[in-house]
Amino acid sequence: MSGGDWKALFHAACSGDLALVGYHARSGVDLNDAHPEFLGTPLVACILAGQEAVALYLLAQGADPQLRSEFDGATPLQAARRAGLASVEQCLLAMGAQEAPATPLHRKGFGRWLLRRVGLAV
């Protein structure tokens, strides 16, 4: 898939556009890719943006429950706990997700800064 499709998926996931996320998932966009410009995953990004339905959908479609977003310095489980998305946290735990230490970039809020920078304020 082209980078543009992945970027469209990423933005749709962060903004909560479930129909567009579904379109890109059905079109074969890799849900577990971290684009070299973003270094983040659609799953962690949408969780941090509070997009519960999208996160649950991505998990149901094969998004890796353990895949760390380097940009956000968080796993999906850490992101769900920070965002207060209890149903996503429970789903991740049921899928075997485990806690991992945070990285310095997340502690500085760098991931949230990027979402605001690209117009997806959280």
Protein backbone atom coordinates (compact mmCIF):
# COMPACT_ATOMS: atom_id res chain seq x y z
CA MET A 1 0.00 0.00 0.00
CA SER A 2 1.14 3.53 -0.59
CA GLY A 3 2.10 5.88 2.22
CA GLY A 4 -0.81 8.16 1.37
CA ASP A 5 -3.33 5.42 2.15
CA TRP A 6 -1.63 4.75 5.49
CA LYS A 7 -1.66 8.46 6.31
CA ALA A 8 -5.35 8.67 5.46
CA LEU A 9 -5.98 5.68 7.73
CA PHE A 10 -3.97 7.32 10.53
CA HIS A 11 -5.87 10.60 10.28
CA ALA A 12 -9.24 8.83 10.04
CA ALA A 13 -8.39 6.76 13.13
CA CYS A 14 -7.42 9.84 15.14
CA SER A 15 -10.51 11.78 14.10
CA GLY A 16 -12.87 8.87 14.74
CA ASP A 17 -13.99 8.32 11.16
CA LEU A 18 -14.83 4.64 11.53
CA ALA A 19 -16.23 4.29 8.00
CA LEU A 20 -13.00 5.57 6.45
CA VAL A 21 -10.87 3.43 8.78
CA GLY A 22 -12.93 0.43 7.68
CA TYR A 23 -12.44 1.30 4.03
CA HIS A 24 -8.67 1.47 4.41
CA ALA A 25 -8.55 -1.73 6.49
CA ARG A 26 -10.58 -3.59 3.86
CA SER A 27 -8.31 -2.15 1.16
CA GLY A 28 -5.31 -3.81 2.77
CA VAL A 29 -3.55 -0.93 4.51
CA ASP A 30 -1.18 -2.42 7.10
CA LEU A 31 -2.71 -1.66 10.50
CA ASN A 32 0.59 -2.47 12.21
CA ASP A 33 2.83 -0.20 10.18
CA ALA A 34 4.54 2.81 11.69
CA HIS A 35 5.11 5.27 8.85
CA PRO A 36 8.68 6.63 8.81
CA GLU A 37 7.41 10.23 9.02
CA PHE A 38 5.11 9.50 11.97
CA LEU A 39 6.85 6.68 13.88
CA GLY A 40 3.48 6.09 15.50
CA THR A 41 0.83 3.44 15.10
CA PRO A 42 -2.79 4.10 14.18
CA LEU A 43 -3.94 2.07 17.20
CA VAL A 44 -2.02 3.99 19.85
CA ALA A 45 -2.74 7.33 18.17
CA CYS A 46 -6.49 6.76 18.06
CA ILE A 47 -6.52 5.55 21.66
CA LEU A 48 -4.71 8.69 22.81
CA ALA A 49 -7.21 10.73 20.80
CA GLY A 50 -10.03 9.05 22.74
CA GLN A 51 -11.44 7.17 19.73
CA GLU A 52 -12.73 4.09 21.55
CA ALA A 53 -14.84 2.62 18.72
CA VAL A 54 -11.99 2.95 16.24
CA ALA A 55 -9.53 1.32 18.64
CA LEU A 56 -11.83 -1.64 19.22
CA TYR A 57 -12.38 -1.96 15.48
CA LEU A 58 -8.64 -1.91 14.74
CA LEU A 59 -8.07 -4.60 17.33
CA ALA A 60 -10.85 -6.74 15.84
CA GLN A 61 -9.24 -6.31 12.40
CA GLY A 62 -5.82 -7.51 13.52
CA ALA A 63 -4.00 -4.52 14.97
CA ASP A 64 -1.23 -5.82 17.24
CA PRO A 65 -2.23 -5.31 20.92
CA GLN A 66 1.47 -5.23 21.92
CA LEU A 67 2.88 -2.98 19.19
CA ARG A 68 4.57 0.00 20.79
CA SER A 69 4.26 3.41 19.20
CA GLU A 70 7.80 4.76 19.31
CA PHE A 71 6.61 8.30 18.75
CA ASP A 72 4.19 8.22 21.68
CA GLY A 73 6.48 6.06 23.79
CA ALA A 74 3.56 3.83 24.68
CA THR A 75 2.01 0.46 24.07
CA PRO A 76 -1.71 0.26 23.33
CA LEU A 77 -2.33 -0.78 26.95
CA GLN A 78 -0.45 2.21 28.33
CA ALA A 79 -2.31 4.50 25.94
CA ALA A 80 -5.70 3.07 26.97
CA ARG A 81 -4.91 3.63 30.63
CA ARG A 82 -3.76 7.20 30.02
CA ALA A 83 -6.83 7.97 27.93
CA GLY A 84 -9.17 6.34 30.44
CA LEU A 85 -10.67 3.98 27.85
CA ALA A 86 -11.63 1.09 30.15
CA SER A 87 -13.28 -1.02 27.44
CA VAL A 88 -10.18 -0.78 25.25
CA GLU A 89 -8.00 -1.64 28.24
CA GLN A 90 -10.15 -4.70 28.99
CA CYS A 91 -10.04 -5.81 25.36
CA LEU A 92 -6.26 -5.46 25.28
CA LEU A 93 -5.87 -7.43 28.51
CA ALA A 94 -8.13 -10.17 27.12
CA MET A 95 -5.85 -10.30 24.08
CA GLY A 96 -2.80 -10.78 26.33
CA ALA A 97 -1.38 -7.25 26.26
CA GLN A 98 1.18 -6.56 28.97
CA GLU A 99 2.61 -3.40 30.50
CA ALA A 100 5.94 -1.97 29.29
CA PRO A 101 7.91 1.06 30.54
CA ALA A 102 7.22 4.49 29.02
CA THR A 103 9.90 6.33 27.07
CA PRO A 104 11.05 9.93 27.65
CA LEU A 105 9.28 11.28 24.53
CA HIS A 106 5.87 10.39 25.91
CA ARG A 107 6.62 11.89 29.31
CA LYS A 108 7.22 15.18 27.51
CA GLY A 109 3.88 14.95 25.71
CA PHE A 110 5.50 14.88 22.27
CA GLY A 111 2.84 12.60 20.76
CA ARG A 112 0.01 14.89 21.79
CA TRP A 113 1.93 17.84 20.37
CA LEU A 114 2.10 16.13 16.97
CA LEU A 115 -1.64 15.38 16.96
CA ARG A 116 -2.34 19.04 17.67
CA ARG A 117 0.19 20.05 15.00
CA VAL A 118 -1.55 18.00 12.30
CA GLY A 119 -4.97 19.32 13.31
CA LEU A 120 -6.13 16.38 15.43
CA ALA A 121 -6.14 18.09 18.82
CA VAL A 122 -6.62 15.82 21.81
